[in-house]
Amino acid sequence: MWVLRKVASSAAPLASAARRLRATPAPAAGSGYAGAGAALGGRTRRYSDTRPLSEIQLQHLEGSNSGIATILMNRPHARNSLGKVFVKQLEEIIEDLQKDKNVRVVLFKSQIKGVFCAGADLKERAEMTNTEVGHFVHKLRSLMSNIASLPMPTIAAIDGFALGGGLELALACDLRVAASSAKMGLIEVTRGLLPGAGGSQRLPRVVGINKAKELIFTGRQVDGKQAMSIGLVNDTVTQNDLGDAAYQKALDLAKEILPQGPVAVKMAKQAMNRGIEVDVTSGMAIEEMCYAQVIPTKDRLEGMAAFKEKRLPHFTGK
């Protein structure tokens, strides 16, 4: 197996065309990285800065699951906290996914048992000046917005702690599945802060303004069952021995989405995301514009033909 490793110049911007791709052999079996790829089966691309082991990897599933991509978060020494390298590598993956027409569903999964994402890297943050903190939090906010604007559905598989920025990452996804034992919360007020990467805006839109205020004002953590009861997650499952029950459930959900018309799903996401921000009349206009994008597609004709011929449709995204 070969792995494409992206080598980014530290002096160049992320979007620079100067970034190079070079092929390197996959690490030997038994390494943490190789184990991550072997556990899921498929092609894995790792996004690297100057460190030998990537903190973010992109797994393209294959076979009947082709079209599903899993973002693997693997920063064990810091519980997947949002450090500079972690954030940079995640930015690179999201940038690539924005343009990848072969990916129909994206899942977020932690490789650290019992943890989804612990939020801010407070050790790094303590070494920043006030100006640097402001710039870095702005970068986090932009990253979460870019995740939310991915054209395909995104699912967060919360198999452990998702606190502060970790929950903000999950909130930037379209759907969330959590293990019943997982703990979630926007706990920033317990550190003298407030949610700064979109949490103060996305949580009210998910659970309602009153419940969001209660959770943010108290910094309270909720488990998977409680999160399900308030609408914070779409589903909750009992954790398994491997610690990936939420991921397995999220994968089942992705498999349900996978065979649907990709253009239709993309336009439906856009219609809902844009429509929820405006009044109903304006939302109807947005729906009309999105619907117009689907009418001339081959997928629409394939859907009608499949119905007429009493067979399953084969959508190509065209």
C-alpha atoms as a PDB file:
ATOM      1  CA  MET A   1       0.000   0.000   0.000  1.00  0.00           C
ATOM      2  CA  TRP A   2       1.213   3.480  -0.777  1.00  0.00           C
ATOM      3  CA  VAL A   3       0.339   6.637   1.049  1.00  0.00           C
ATOM      4  CA  LEU A   4       0.303  10.105  -0.465  1.00  0.00           C
ATOM      5  CA  ARG A   5       1.997  12.472   1.885  1.00  0.00           C
ATOM      6  CA  LYS A   6       1.387  16.185   1.509  1.00  0.00           C
ATOM      7  CA  VAL A   7       4.476  18.260   2.243  1.00  0.00           C
ATOM      8  CA  ALA A   8       3.574  21.856   2.995  1.00  0.00           C
ATOM      9  CA  SER A   9       6.101  24.658   3.031  1.00  0.00           C
ATOM     10  CA  SER A  10       5.910  26.494   6.319  1.00  0.00           C
ATOM     11  CA  ALA A  11       6.382  29.772   4.470  1.00  0.00           C
ATOM     12  CA  ALA A  12       3.569  29.221   1.976  1.00  0.00           C
ATOM     13  CA  PRO A  13      -0.159  29.653   2.622  1.00  0.00           C
ATOM     14  CA  LEU A  14      -2.299  26.557   2.883  1.00  0.00           C
ATOM     15  CA  ALA A  15      -3.979  27.180  -0.441  1.00  0.00           C
ATOM     16  CA  SER A  16      -0.675  27.658  -2.269  1.00  0.00           C
ATOM     17  CA  ALA A  17      -0.187  25.637  -5.419  1.00  0.00           C
ATOM     18  CA  ALA A  18       3.412  25.195  -4.348  1.00  0.00           C
ATOM     19  CA  ARG A  19       2.518  22.347  -2.019  1.00  0.00           C
ATOM     20  CA  ARG A  20       3.856  19.096  -3.384  1.00  0.00           C
ATOM     21  CA  LEU A  21       2.601  15.537  -3.263  1.00  0.00           C
ATOM     22  CA  ARG A  22       5.143  12.773  -2.987  1.00  0.00           C
ATOM     23  CA  ALA A  23       4.552   9.064  -2.572  1.00  0.00           C
ATOM     24  CA  THR A  24       6.116   7.323   0.403  1.00  0.00           C
ATOM     25  CA  PRO A  25       5.731   3.715   1.510  1.00  0.00           C
ATOM     26  CA  ALA A  26       3.242   3.111   4.279  1.00  0.00           C
ATOM     27  CA  PRO A  27       4.850   2.608   7.716  1.00  0.00           C
ATOM     28  CA  ALA A  28       5.543  -0.900   8.825  1.00  0.00           C
ATOM     29  CA  ALA A  29       2.776  -2.919  10.419  1.00  0.00           C
ATOM     30  CA  GLY A  30       2.503  -2.269  14.107  1.00  0.00           C
ATOM     31  CA  SER A  31       3.069   1.480  13.956  1.00  0.00           C
ATOM     32  CA  GLY A  32       0.265   3.706  15.224  1.00  0.00           C
ATOM     33  CA  TYR A  33      -0.356   5.057  11.738  1.00  0.00           C
ATOM     34  CA  ALA A  34      -0.444   1.681  10.013  1.00  0.00           C
ATOM     35  CA  GLY A  35      -2.817   0.408  12.665  1.00  0.00           C
ATOM     36  CA  ALA A  36      -5.229   3.227  11.931  1.00  0.00           C
ATOM     37  CA  GLY A  37      -5.373   2.299   8.257  1.00  0.00           C
ATOM     38  CA  ALA A  38      -5.644  -1.413   8.866  1.00  0.00           C
ATOM     39  CA  ALA A  39      -8.475  -0.986  11.346  1.00  0.00           C
ATOM     40  CA  LEU A  40     -10.839   0.443   8.730  1.00  0.00           C
ATOM     41  CA  GLY A  41      -9.557  -0.903   5.439  1.00  0.00           C
ATOM     42  CA  GLY A  42      -9.071   1.487   2.563  1.00  0.00           C
ATOM     43  CA  ARG A  43      -6.775   4.155   1.195  1.00  0.00           C
ATOM     44  CA  THR A  44      -5.361   6.536   3.755  1.00  0.00           C
ATOM     45  CA  ARG A  45      -3.816   9.933   3.089  1.00  0.00           C
ATOM     46  CA  ARG A  46      -1.956  11.549   5.904  1.00  0.00           C
ATOM     47  CA  TYR A  47      -1.408  15.273   6.176  1.00  0.00           C
ATOM     48  CA  SER A  48       1.946  16.146   7.608  1.00  0.00           C
ATOM     49  CA  ASP A  49       3.695  19.229   8.845  1.00  0.00           C
ATOM     50  CA  THR A  50       7.243  18.742  10.143  1.00  0.00           C
ATOM     51  CA  ARG A  51       6.400  15.890  12.502  1.00  0.00           C
ATOM     52  CA  PRO A  52       7.006  12.268  11.515  1.00  0.00           C
ATOM     53  CA  LEU A  53       3.562  11.101  12.628  1.00  0.00           C
ATOM     54  CA  SER A  54       0.462  12.824  11.292  1.00  0.00           C
ATOM     55  CA  GLU A  55      -2.196  13.977  13.740  1.00  0.00           C
ATOM     56  CA  ILE A  56      -4.900  13.971  11.056  1.00  0.00           C
ATOM     57  CA  GLN A  57      -5.451  11.258   8.454  1.00  0.00           C
ATOM     58  CA  LEU A  58      -8.030  10.876   5.719  1.00  0.00           C
ATOM     59  CA  GLN A  59      -9.335   7.352   5.127  1.00  0.00           C
ATOM     60  CA  HIS A  60     -11.154   6.641   1.852  1.00  0.00           C
ATOM     61  CA  LEU A  61     -13.275   3.530   2.334  1.00  0.00           C
ATOM     62  CA  GLU A  62     -13.448   1.094  -0.562  1.00  0.00           C
ATOM     63  CA  GLY A  63     -15.657  -1.575  -2.072  1.00  0.00           C
ATOM     64  CA  SER A  64     -19.332  -1.147  -1.272  1.00  0.00           C
ATOM     65  CA  ASN A  65     -18.401   1.781   0.996  1.00  0.00           C
ATOM     66  CA  SER A  66     -16.574   3.699  -1.740  1.00  0.00           C
ATOM     67  CA  GLY A  67     -17.618   7.330  -1.475  1.00  0.00           C
ATOM     68  CA  ILE A  68     -17.340   7.429   2.318  1.00  0.00           C
ATOM     69  CA  ALA A  69     -14.313   9.194   3.789  1.00  0.00           C
ATOM     70  CA  THR A  70     -13.304   9.166   7.452  1.00  0.00           C
ATOM     71  CA  ILE A  71     -11.219  11.889   9.045  1.00  0.00           C
ATOM     72  CA  LEU A  72      -9.128  10.171  11.720  1.00  0.00           C
ATOM     73  CA  MET A  73      -7.968  12.346  14.620  1.00  0.00           C
ATOM     74  CA  ASN A  74      -4.859  10.961  16.271  1.00  0.00           C
ATOM     75  CA  ARG A  75      -3.119  13.166  18.835  1.00  0.00           C
ATOM     76  CA  PRO A  76      -2.906  10.798  21.818  1.00  0.00           C
ATOM     77  CA  HIS A  77      -0.492  12.782  23.989  1.00  0.00           C
ATOM     78  CA  ALA A  78      -2.921  15.732  24.069  1.00  0.00           C
ATOM     79  CA  ARG A  79      -6.291  13.962  23.784  1.00  0.00           C
ATOM     80  CA  ASN A  80      -6.887  15.371  20.283  1.00  0.00           C
ATOM     81  CA  SER A  81      -6.790  18.927  21.610  1.00  0.00           C
ATOM     82  CA  LEU A  82      -6.847  21.669  18.991  1.00  0.00           C
ATOM     83  CA  GLY A  83      -3.155  22.473  18.731  1.00  0.00           C
ATOM     84  CA  LYS A  84      -1.443  24.339  15.904  1.00  0.00           C
ATOM     85  CA  VAL A  85      -0.317  21.259  13.957  1.00  0.00           C
ATOM     86  CA  PHE A  86      -3.655  19.482  14.458  1.00  0.00           C
ATOM     87  CA  VAL A  87      -5.570  22.524  13.200  1.00  0.00           C
ATOM     88  CA  LYS A  88      -3.257  23.086  10.216  1.00  0.00           C
ATOM     89  CA  GLN A  89      -3.545  19.479   9.079  1.00  0.00           C
ATOM     90  CA  LEU A  90      -7.323  19.497   9.496  1.00  0.00           C
ATOM     91  CA  GLU A  91      -7.515  22.710   7.457  1.00  0.00           C
ATOM     92  CA  GLU A  92      -5.628  20.987   4.636  1.00  0.00           C
ATOM     93  CA  ILE A  93      -7.986  18.011   4.611  1.00  0.00           C
ATOM     94  CA  ILE A  94     -11.095  20.198   4.608  1.00  0.00           C
ATOM     95  CA  GLU A  95      -9.680  22.268   1.753  1.00  0.00           C
ATOM     96  CA  ASP A  96      -9.136  19.113  -0.314  1.00  0.00           C
ATOM     97  CA  LEU A  97     -12.583  17.713   0.505  1.00  0.00           C
ATOM     98  CA  GLN A  98     -14.239  20.913  -0.691  1.00  0.00           C
ATOM     99  CA  LYS A  99     -13.102  19.962  -4.208  1.00  0.00           C
ATOM    100  CA  ASP A 100     -13.425  16.165  -4.032  1.00  0.00           C
ATOM    101  CA  LYS A 101     -16.470  15.113  -6.061  1.00  0.00           C
ATOM    102  CA  ASN A 102     -15.885  11.423  -5.343  1.00  0.00           C
ATOM    103  CA  VAL A 103     -16.626  11.750  -1.616  1.00  0.00           C
ATOM    104  CA  ARG A 104     -20.328  11.624  -0.757  1.00  0.00           C
ATOM    105  CA  VAL A 105     -20.208  11.401   3.059  1.00  0.00           C
ATOM    106  CA  VAL A 106     -17.526  12.429   5.572  1.00  0.00           C
ATOM    107  CA  LEU A 107     -17.180  10.971   9.073  1.00  0.00           C
ATOM    108  CA  PHE A 108     -15.103  12.355  11.946  1.00  0.00           C
ATOM    109  CA  LYS A 109     -13.573   9.669  14.163  1.00  0.00           C
ATOM    110  CA  SER A 110     -11.069   9.720  16.998  1.00  0.00           C
ATOM    111  CA  GLN A 111      -8.294   7.159  17.148  1.00  0.00           C
ATOM    112  CA  ILE A 112      -7.954   7.795  20.892  1.00  0.00           C
ATOM    113  CA  LYS A 113     -10.157   5.520  22.975  1.00  0.00           C
ATOM    114  CA  GLY A 114     -12.500   7.411  25.274  1.00  0.00           C
ATOM    115  CA  VAL A 115     -11.873  10.798  23.643  1.00  0.00           C
ATOM    116  CA  PHE A 116     -13.373  12.550  20.628  1.00  0.00           C
ATOM    117  CA  CYS A 117     -11.683  15.928  21.059  1.00  0.00           C
ATOM    118  CA  ALA A 118     -10.737  17.569  24.355  1.00  0.00           C
ATOM    119  CA  GLY A 119     -11.012  21.110  23.002  1.00  0.00           C
ATOM    120  CA  ALA A 120      -8.361  23.818  23.196  1.00  0.00           C
ATOM    121  CA  ASP A 121      -4.709  23.006  23.775  1.00  0.00           C
ATOM    122  CA  LEU A 122      -4.348  25.099  26.924  1.00  0.00           C
ATOM    123  CA  LYS A 123      -0.589  24.524  27.145  1.00  0.00           C
ATOM    124  CA  GLU A 124      -0.082  26.039  23.706  1.00  0.00           C
ATOM    125  CA  ARG A 125      -2.624  28.747  24.430  1.00  0.00           C
ATOM    126  CA  ALA A 126      -0.771  29.786  27.619  1.00  0.00           C
ATOM    127  CA  GLU A 127       2.321  30.599  25.542  1.00  0.00           C
ATOM    128  CA  MET A 128       0.457  32.907  23.149  1.00  0.00           C
ATOM    129  CA  THR A 129       0.131  36.667  23.456  1.00  0.00           C
ATOM    130  CA  ASN A 130      -3.337  38.190  23.600  1.00  0.00           C
ATOM    131  CA  THR A 131      -3.060  39.097  19.919  1.00  0.00           C
ATOM    132  CA  GLU A 132      -1.944  35.586  19.001  1.00  0.00           C
ATOM    133  CA  VAL A 133      -4.868  34.092  20.937  1.00  0.00           C
ATOM    134  CA  GLY A 134      -7.308  36.267  19.022  1.00  0.00           C
ATOM    135  CA  HIS A 135      -5.799  35.269  15.680  1.00  0.00           C
ATOM    136  CA  PHE A 136      -5.740  31.576  16.537  1.00  0.00           C
ATOM    137  CA  VAL A 137      -9.363  31.533  17.738  1.00  0.00           C
ATOM    138  CA  HIS A 138     -10.335  33.341  14.523  1.00  0.00           C
ATOM    139  CA  LYS A 139      -8.607  30.540  12.618  1.00  0.00           C
ATOM    140  CA  LEU A 140     -10.556  27.945  14.623  1.00  0.00           C
ATOM    141  CA  ARG A 141     -13.811  29.751  13.909  1.00  0.00           C
ATOM    142  CA  SER A 142     -13.020  29.776  10.190  1.00  0.00           C
ATOM    143  CA  LEU A 143     -12.100  26.085  10.289  1.00  0.00           C
ATOM    144  CA  MET A 144     -15.434  25.156  11.858  1.00  0.00           C
ATOM    145  CA  SER A 145     -17.274  27.262   9.279  1.00  0.00           C
ATOM    146  CA  ASN A 146     -15.388  25.492   6.494  1.00  0.00           C
ATOM    147  CA  ILE A 147     -16.379  22.116   7.953  1.00  0.00           C
ATOM    148  CA  ALA A 148     -20.005  23.268   8.092  1.00  0.00           C
ATOM    149  CA  SER A 149     -19.846  24.412   4.460  1.00  0.00           C
ATOM    150  CA  LEU A 150     -18.529  21.134   3.057  1.00  0.00           C
ATOM    151  CA  PRO A 151     -20.865  20.209   0.172  1.00  0.00           C
ATOM    152  CA  MET A 152     -21.436  16.628   1.346  1.00  0.00           C
ATOM    153  CA  PRO A 153     -23.078  15.453   4.614  1.00  0.00           C
ATOM    154  CA  THR A 154     -20.752  15.209   7.609  1.00  0.00           C
ATOM    155  CA  ILE A 155     -21.191  12.990  10.679  1.00  0.00           C
ATOM    156  CA  ALA A 156     -19.362  13.263  14.005  1.00  0.00           C
ATOM    157  CA  ALA A 157     -18.858   9.914  15.760  1.00  0.00           C
ATOM    158  CA  ILE A 158     -18.540  10.879  19.422  1.00  0.00           C
ATOM    159  CA  ASP A 159     -17.129   7.862  21.246  1.00  0.00           C
ATOM    160  CA  GLY A 160     -15.733   9.816  24.191  1.00  0.00           C
ATOM    161  CA  PHE A 161     -15.197  13.294  25.610  1.00  0.00           C
ATOM    162  CA  ALA A 162     -16.165  16.178  23.296  1.00  0.00           C
ATOM    163  CA  LEU A 163     -15.551  19.314  25.309  1.00  0.00           C
ATOM    164  CA  GLY A 164     -15.262  22.983  24.388  1.00  0.00           C
ATOM    165  CA  GLY A 165     -13.805  23.182  20.898  1.00  0.00           C
ATOM    166  CA  GLY A 166     -14.310  19.433  20.561  1.00  0.00           C
ATOM    167  CA  LEU A 167     -18.064  19.852  20.815  1.00  0.00           C
ATOM    168  CA  GLU A 168     -17.864  22.890  18.539  1.00  0.00           C
ATOM    169  CA  LEU A 169     -16.235  20.636  15.941  1.00  0.00           C
ATOM    170  CA  ALA A 170     -19.094  18.135  16.330  1.00  0.00           C
ATOM    171  CA  LEU A 171     -21.647  20.954  16.096  1.00  0.00           C
ATOM    172  CA  ALA A 172     -20.100  22.030  12.780  1.00  0.00           C
ATOM    173  CA  CYS A 173     -21.067  18.611  11.398  1.00  0.00           C
ATOM    174  CA  ASP A 174     -24.512  17.962   9.936  1.00  0.00           C
ATOM    175  CA  LEU A 175     -25.203  14.921  12.117  1.00  0.00           C
ATOM    176  CA  ARG A 176     -23.878  13.562  15.405  1.00  0.00           C
ATOM    177  CA  VAL A 177     -23.898  10.074  16.885  1.00  0.00           C
ATOM    178  CA  ALA A 178     -22.684   9.492  20.440  1.00  0.00           C
ATOM    179  CA  ALA A 179     -21.905   6.580  22.706  1.00  0.00           C
ATOM    180  CA  SER A 180     -24.136   6.645  25.785  1.00  0.00           C
ATOM    181  CA  SER A 181     -21.010   7.008  27.934  1.00  0.00           C
ATOM    182  CA  ALA A 182     -19.624   9.977  25.985  1.00  0.00           C
ATOM    183  CA  LYS A 183     -19.435  13.356  27.710  1.00  0.00           C
ATOM    184  CA  MET A 184     -20.211  16.575  25.857  1.00  0.00           C
ATOM    185  CA  GLY A 185     -20.217  20.194  26.913  1.00  0.00           C
ATOM    186  CA  LEU A 186     -19.264  23.762  26.091  1.00  0.00           C
ATOM    187  CA  ILE A 187     -17.252  24.243  29.273  1.00  0.00           C
ATOM    188  CA  GLU A 188     -15.477  27.487  28.379  1.00  0.00           C
ATOM    189  CA  VAL A 189     -17.048  29.517  31.211  1.00  0.00           C
ATOM    190  CA  THR A 190     -15.287  27.244  33.710  1.00  0.00           C
ATOM    191  CA  ARG A 191     -12.030  28.695  32.309  1.00  0.00           C
ATOM    192  CA  GLY A 192     -13.234  32.291  32.235  1.00  0.00           C
ATOM    193  CA  LEU A 193     -14.009  32.151  28.514  1.00  0.00           C
ATOM    194  CA  LEU A 194     -16.990  31.708  26.216  1.00  0.00           C
ATOM    195  CA  PRO A 195     -17.352  29.416  23.191  1.00  0.00           C
ATOM    196  CA  GLY A 196     -15.335  31.087  20.457  1.00  0.00           C
ATOM    197  CA  ALA A 197     -15.354  28.646  17.545  1.00  0.00           C
ATOM    198  CA  GLY A 198     -19.042  28.846  16.700  1.00  0.00           C
ATOM    199  CA  GLY A 199     -20.527  27.123  19.754  1.00  0.00           C
ATOM    200  CA  SER A 200     -22.513  30.133  20.963  1.00  0.00           C
ATOM    201  CA  GLN A 201     -24.221  30.262  17.564  1.00  0.00           C
ATOM    202  CA  ARG A 202     -24.573  26.614  16.547  1.00  0.00           C
ATOM    203  CA  LEU A 203     -25.719  25.155  19.870  1.00  0.00           C
ATOM    204  CA  PRO A 204     -28.856  27.383  20.052  1.00  0.00           C
ATOM    205  CA  ARG A 205     -29.717  26.381  16.487  1.00  0.00           C
ATOM    206  CA  VAL A 206     -29.481  22.706  17.456  1.00  0.00           C
ATOM    207  CA  VAL A 207     -31.084  22.522  20.910  1.00  0.00           C
ATOM    208  CA  GLY A 208     -32.954  25.838  21.127  1.00  0.00           C
ATOM    209  CA  ILE A 209     -31.933  29.120  22.746  1.00  0.00           C
ATOM    210  CA  ASN A 210     -33.163  28.339  26.280  1.00  0.00           C
ATOM    211  CA  LYS A 211     -31.397  24.996  26.621  1.00  0.00           C
ATOM    212  CA  ALA A 212     -28.265  26.393  24.963  1.00  0.00           C
ATOM    213  CA  LYS A 213     -28.104  29.236  27.476  1.00  0.00           C
ATOM    214  CA  GLU A 214     -28.504  26.782  30.339  1.00  0.00           C
ATOM    215  CA  LEU A 215     -25.687  24.572  29.066  1.00  0.00           C
ATOM    216  CA  ILE A 216     -23.303  27.421  28.237  1.00  0.00           C
ATOM    217  CA  PHE A 217     -23.959  29.476  31.391  1.00  0.00           C
ATOM    218  CA  THR A 218     -23.329  26.453  33.628  1.00  0.00           C
ATOM    219  CA  GLY A 219     -20.583  24.775  31.601  1.00  0.00           C
ATOM    220  CA  ARG A 220     -22.490  21.550  32.208  1.00  0.00           C
ATOM    221  CA  GLN A 221     -21.510  18.265  30.615  1.00  0.00           C
ATOM    222  CA  VAL A 222     -24.115  15.793  29.365  1.00  0.00           C
ATOM    223  CA  ASP A 223     -23.788  12.125  28.456  1.00  0.00           C
ATOM    224  CA  GLY A 224     -24.998  10.473  25.268  1.00  0.00           C
ATOM    225  CA  LYS A 225     -28.500   9.718  26.538  1.00  0.00           C
ATOM    226  CA  GLN A 226     -28.998  13.240  27.853  1.00  0.00           C
ATOM    227  CA  ALA A 227     -27.653  14.663  24.604  1.00  0.00           C
ATOM    228  CA  MET A 228     -30.147  12.565  22.683  1.00  0.00           C
ATOM    229  CA  SER A 229     -33.036  13.758  24.840  1.00  0.00           C
ATOM    230  CA  ILE A 230     -32.315  17.432  24.090  1.00  0.00           C
ATOM    231  CA  GLY A 231     -31.602  16.918  20.402  1.00  0.00           C
ATOM    232  CA  LEU A 232     -27.857  17.535  20.615  1.00  0.00           C
ATOM    233  CA  VAL A 233     -27.149  14.215  18.894  1.00  0.00           C
ATOM    234  CA  ASN A 234     -29.175  12.260  16.344  1.00  0.00           C
ATOM    235  CA  ASP A 235     -28.635   8.887  17.988  1.00  0.00           C
ATOM    236  CA  THR A 236     -26.917   7.263  20.949  1.00  0.00           C
ATOM    237  CA  VAL A 237     -25.595   3.732  21.335  1.00  0.00           C
ATOM    238  CA  THR A 238     -24.155   1.604  24.120  1.00  0.00           C
ATOM    239  CA  GLN A 239     -20.369   1.586  23.972  1.00  0.00           C
ATOM    240  CA  ASN A 240     -18.645  -1.618  22.861  1.00  0.00           C
ATOM    241  CA  ASP A 241     -15.374  -3.230  23.968  1.00  0.00           C
ATOM    242  CA  LEU A 242     -13.439  -1.614  21.117  1.00  0.00           C
ATOM    243  CA  GLY A 243     -14.692   1.832  22.048  1.00  0.00           C
ATOM    244  CA  ASP A 244     -16.029   2.626  18.569  1.00  0.00           C
ATOM    245  CA  ALA A 245     -19.772   2.006  18.889  1.00  0.00           C
ATOM    246  CA  ALA A 246     -20.640   5.566  17.819  1.00  0.00           C
ATOM    247  CA  TYR A 247     -18.426   5.249  14.769  1.00  0.00           C
ATOM    248  CA  GLN A 248     -20.054   1.972  13.753  1.00  0.00           C
ATOM    249  CA  LYS A 249     -23.491   3.583  14.089  1.00  0.00           C
ATOM    250  CA  ALA A 250     -22.309   6.646  12.159  1.00  0.00           C
ATOM    251  CA  LEU A 251     -20.979   4.350   9.444  1.00  0.00           C
ATOM    252  CA  ASP A 252     -24.399   2.680   9.189  1.00  0.00           C
ATOM    253  CA  LEU A 253     -25.942   6.129   8.773  1.00  0.00           C
ATOM    254  CA  ALA A 254     -23.383   7.018   6.087  1.00  0.00           C
ATOM    255  CA  LYS A 255     -24.267   3.815   4.230  1.00  0.00           C
ATOM    256  CA  GLU A 256     -27.898   4.952   4.153  1.00  0.00           C
ATOM    257  CA  ILE A 257     -26.900   8.276   2.621  1.00  0.00           C
ATOM    258  CA  LEU A 258     -24.355   6.821   0.181  1.00  0.00           C
ATOM    259  CA  PRO A 259     -26.746   5.418  -2.500  1.00  0.00           C
ATOM    260  CA  GLN A 260     -28.880   8.565  -2.669  1.00  0.00           C
ATOM    261  CA  GLY A 261     -28.476  11.109  -5.459  1.00  0.00           C
ATOM    262  CA  PRO A 262     -25.324  13.084  -4.545  1.00  0.00           C
ATOM    263  CA  VAL A 263     -26.374  16.269  -6.320  1.00  0.00           C
ATOM    264  CA  ALA A 264     -29.798  16.103  -4.678  1.00  0.00           C
ATOM    265  CA  VAL A 265     -28.242  15.546  -1.235  1.00  0.00           C
ATOM    266  CA  LYS A 266     -25.818  18.413  -1.784  1.00  0.00           C
ATOM    267  CA  MET A 267     -28.605  20.781  -2.835  1.00  0.00           C
ATOM    268  CA  ALA A 268     -30.849  19.643   0.028  1.00  0.00           C
ATOM    269  CA  LYS A 269     -28.060  20.436   2.494  1.00  0.00           C
ATOM    270  CA  GLN A 270     -27.555  23.855   0.949  1.00  0.00           C
ATOM    271  CA  ALA A 271     -31.279  24.606   0.962  1.00  0.00           C
ATOM    272  CA  MET A 272     -31.618  23.734   4.653  1.00  0.00           C
ATOM    273  CA  ASN A 273     -28.413  25.420   5.818  1.00  0.00           C
ATOM    274  CA  ARG A 274     -29.174  28.651   4.000  1.00  0.00           C
ATOM    275  CA  GLY A 275     -32.916  28.535   4.561  1.00  0.00           C
ATOM    276  CA  ILE A 276     -32.702  28.190   8.338  1.00  0.00           C
ATOM    277  CA  GLU A 277     -30.998  31.601   8.520  1.00  0.00           C
ATOM    278  CA  VAL A 278     -33.845  33.522   6.869  1.00  0.00           C
ATOM    279  CA  ASP A 279     -37.634  33.846   7.004  1.00  0.00           C
ATOM    280  CA  VAL A 280     -39.790  31.140   5.447  1.00  0.00           C
ATOM    281  CA  THR A 281     -40.610  33.131   2.320  1.00  0.00           C
ATOM    282  CA  SER A 282     -36.943  33.740   1.607  1.00  0.00           C
ATOM    283  CA  GLY A 283     -36.266  30.118   2.434  1.00  0.00           C
ATOM    284  CA  MET A 284     -38.751  29.025  -0.209  1.00  0.00           C
ATOM    285  CA  ALA A 285     -36.863  31.100  -2.768  1.00  0.00           C
ATOM    286  CA  ILE A 286     -33.640  29.398  -1.738  1.00  0.00           C
ATOM    287  CA  GLU A 287     -35.311  26.003  -2.090  1.00  0.00           C
ATOM    288  CA  GLU A 288     -36.484  26.951  -5.586  1.00  0.00           C
ATOM    289  CA  MET A 289     -32.955  27.924  -6.618  1.00  0.00           C
ATOM    290  CA  CYS A 290     -31.524  24.693  -5.256  1.00  0.00           C
ATOM    291  CA  TYR A 291     -34.241  22.621  -6.940  1.00  0.00           C
ATOM    292  CA  ALA A 292     -33.410  24.308 -10.236  1.00  0.00           C
ATOM    293  CA  GLN A 293     -29.872  22.945  -9.938  1.00  0.00           C
ATOM    294  CA  VAL A 294     -31.213  19.374  -9.847  1.00  0.00           C
ATOM    295  CA  ILE A 295     -33.632  19.545 -12.796  1.00  0.00           C
ATOM    296  CA  PRO A 296     -31.038  19.354 -15.621  1.00  0.00           C
ATOM    297  CA  THR A 297     -29.003  16.527 -14.051  1.00  0.00           C
ATOM    298  CA  LYS A 298     -28.593  13.017 -15.415  1.00  0.00           C
ATOM    299  CA  ASP A 299     -29.258  11.748 -11.890  1.00  0.00           C
ATOM    300  CA  ARG A 300     -32.821  13.111 -11.992  1.00  0.00           C
ATOM    301  CA  LEU A 301     -33.475  11.260 -15.254  1.00  0.00           C
ATOM    302  CA  GLU A 302     -31.890   8.119 -13.813  1.00  0.00           C
ATOM    303  CA  GLY A 303     -34.136   8.327 -10.755  1.00  0.00           C
ATOM    304  CA  MET A 304     -37.275   8.530 -12.882  1.00  0.00           C
ATOM    305  CA  ALA A 305     -36.092   5.730 -15.177  1.00  0.00           C
ATOM    306  CA  ALA A 306     -35.310   3.478 -12.210  1.00  0.00           C
ATOM    307  CA  PHE A 307     -38.767   4.087 -10.770  1.00  0.00           C
ATOM    308  CA  LYS A 308     -40.408   3.264 -14.083  1.00  0.00           C
ATOM    309  CA  GLU A 309     -38.312   0.122 -14.559  1.00  0.00           C
ATOM    310  CA  LYS A 310     -38.758  -0.964 -10.933  1.00  0.00           C
ATOM    311  CA  ARG A 311     -35.047  -1.151 -10.173  1.00  0.00           C
ATOM    312  CA  LEU A 312     -32.594   0.621  -7.897  1.00  0.00           C
ATOM    313  CA  PRO A 313     -31.162   3.816  -9.369  1.00  0.00           C
ATOM    314  CA  HIS A 314     -27.451   4.195 -10.083  1.00  0.00           C
ATOM    315  CA  PHE A 315     -26.528   7.799  -9.446  1.00  0.00           C
ATOM    316  CA  THR A 316     -23.266   9.230 -10.781  1.00  0.00           C
ATOM    317  CA  GLY A 317     -23.387  12.744  -9.402  1.00  0.00           C
ATOM    318  CA  LYS A 318     -23.912  14.295 -12.844  1.00  0.00           C
END
